[in-house]
Protein backbone atom coordinates (compact mmCIF):
# COMPACT_ATOMS: atom_id res chain seq x y z
CA UNK A 1 -4.83 10.22 24.14
CA UNK A 2 -3.90 10.32 20.69
CA UNK A 3 -5.22 7.75 18.29
CA UNK A 4 -3.74 5.92 15.27
CA UNK A 5 -5.15 7.19 11.85
CA UNK A 6 -6.56 4.50 9.49
CA UNK A 7 -7.66 3.97 6.07
CA UNK A 8 -9.50 1.03 4.54
CA UNK A 9 -10.91 0.83 1.10
CA UNK A 10 -9.79 1.07 -2.58
CA UNK A 11 -6.42 2.64 -3.84
CA UNK A 12 -4.33 2.21 -7.00
CA UNK A 13 -0.53 1.47 -7.22
CA UNK A 14 1.15 3.52 -10.11
CA UNK A 15 3.15 1.03 -12.43
CA UNK A 16 6.19 2.31 -14.06
CA UNK A 17 4.58 2.00 -17.54
CA UNK A 18 2.08 4.29 -16.40
CA UNK A 19 -0.65 1.75 -15.97
CA UNK A 20 -2.73 1.71 -12.28
CA UNK A 21 -3.25 -1.39 -10.36
CA UNK A 22 -6.42 -1.32 -8.48
CA UNK A 23 -5.91 -2.70 -4.84
CA UNK A 24 -7.82 -2.91 -1.52
CA UNK A 25 -5.56 -1.09 1.16
CA UNK A 26 -5.66 -1.49 5.00
CA UNK A 27 -3.16 1.16 6.17
CA UNK A 28 -2.31 2.65 9.58
CA UNK A 29 -0.20 5.52 10.73
CA UNK A 30 1.47 5.99 14.05
CA UNK A 31 0.68 8.84 16.24
CA UNK A 32 3.56 11.45 16.39
CA UNK A 33 5.26 10.18 13.85
CA UNK A 34 3.53 11.57 10.30
CA UNK A 35 6.07 9.50 8.20
CA UNK A 36 5.53 6.21 9.90
CA UNK A 37 2.72 4.48 8.11
CA UNK A 38 2.03 0.82 7.03
CA UNK A 39 -0.21 -1.97 6.10
CA UNK A 40 -1.36 -4.17 3.64
CA UNK A 41 -2.69 -4.53 -0.04
CA UNK A 42 -4.97 -6.90 -1.67
CA UNK A 43 -4.09 -7.22 -5.27
CA UNK A 44 -5.84 -9.33 -7.86
CA UNK A 45 -2.13 -9.91 -9.55
CA UNK A 46 -0.60 -12.13 -7.50
CA UNK A 47 2.51 -12.48 -9.60
CA UNK A 48 3.11 -8.56 -9.43
CA UNK A 49 3.14 -8.97 -5.79
CA UNK A 50 5.91 -11.26 -5.77
CA UNK A 51 7.86 -9.30 -8.25
CA UNK A 52 7.02 -5.86 -6.36
CA UNK A 53 9.11 -7.03 -3.11
CA UNK A 54 12.02 -4.86 -2.25
CA UNK A 55 10.86 -2.13 -4.59
CA UNK A 56 9.34 1.32 -3.87
CA UNK A 57 5.97 2.32 -5.51
CA UNK A 58 3.36 5.04 -5.30
CA UNK A 59 -0.16 4.68 -4.05
CA UNK A 60 -3.06 6.89 -4.78
CA UNK A 61 -6.24 7.08 -2.71
CA UNK A 62 -9.69 8.04 -4.15
CA UNK A 63 -9.51 11.57 -2.56
CA UNK A 64 -6.15 12.31 -4.32
CA UNK A 65 -3.64 11.45 -1.48
CA UNK A 66 -0.54 9.95 -2.61
CA UNK A 67 2.29 8.11 -0.75
CA UNK A 68 5.21 6.37 -1.45
CA UNK A 69 5.76 2.56 -0.02
CA UNK A 70 8.15 -0.11 -0.09
CA UNK A 71 6.85 -3.45 -0.77
CA UNK A 72 7.98 -5.95 2.10
CA UNK A 73 6.51 -9.39 1.78
CA UNK A 74 3.69 -11.55 0.49
CA UNK A 75 1.55 -12.36 3.47
CA UNK A 76 -0.76 -14.62 1.68
CA UNK A 77 -1.42 -15.83 -2.08
CA UNK A 78 -4.00 -17.47 -3.64
CA UNK A 79 -4.35 -18.60 -7.34
CA UNK A 80 -5.29 -15.03 -8.36
CA UNK A 81 -4.75 -12.79 -5.72
CA UNK A 82 -2.24 -11.78 -2.89
CA UNK A 83 -1.92 -9.88 0.11
CA UNK A 84 1.24 -7.78 0.07
CA UNK A 85 2.90 -5.99 3.39
CA UNK A 86 3.97 -2.44 2.58
CA UNK A 87 5.82 0.11 4.68
CA UNK A 88 5.26 3.77 3.79
CA UNK A 89 7.64 6.62 3.71
CA UNK A 90 6.91 10.24 3.76
CA UNK A 91 3.61 11.69 4.94
CA UNK A 92 0.69 9.10 4.96
CA UNK A 93 -1.75 9.76 2.23
CA UNK A 94 -4.72 9.45 4.46
């Protein structure tokens, strides 16, 4: 029996201007398909989450693992934060 790999914790999104956006990530990869990973990011910049939809971004975990993802949709938004659904491409960073 194979198990999904998961990651739950802090990460950063690399922005095009060189800044880093801290996020909380909840990620899951599917067994047997190393390039199939997905999850959600909680971001404190709700406007960025809406602006990010449809674009590709780079995610870095504290252990140095990096992965590219597509921002799919905002699942929930509050005045100061948002939950962003993402789909990874390439090897999972965890």
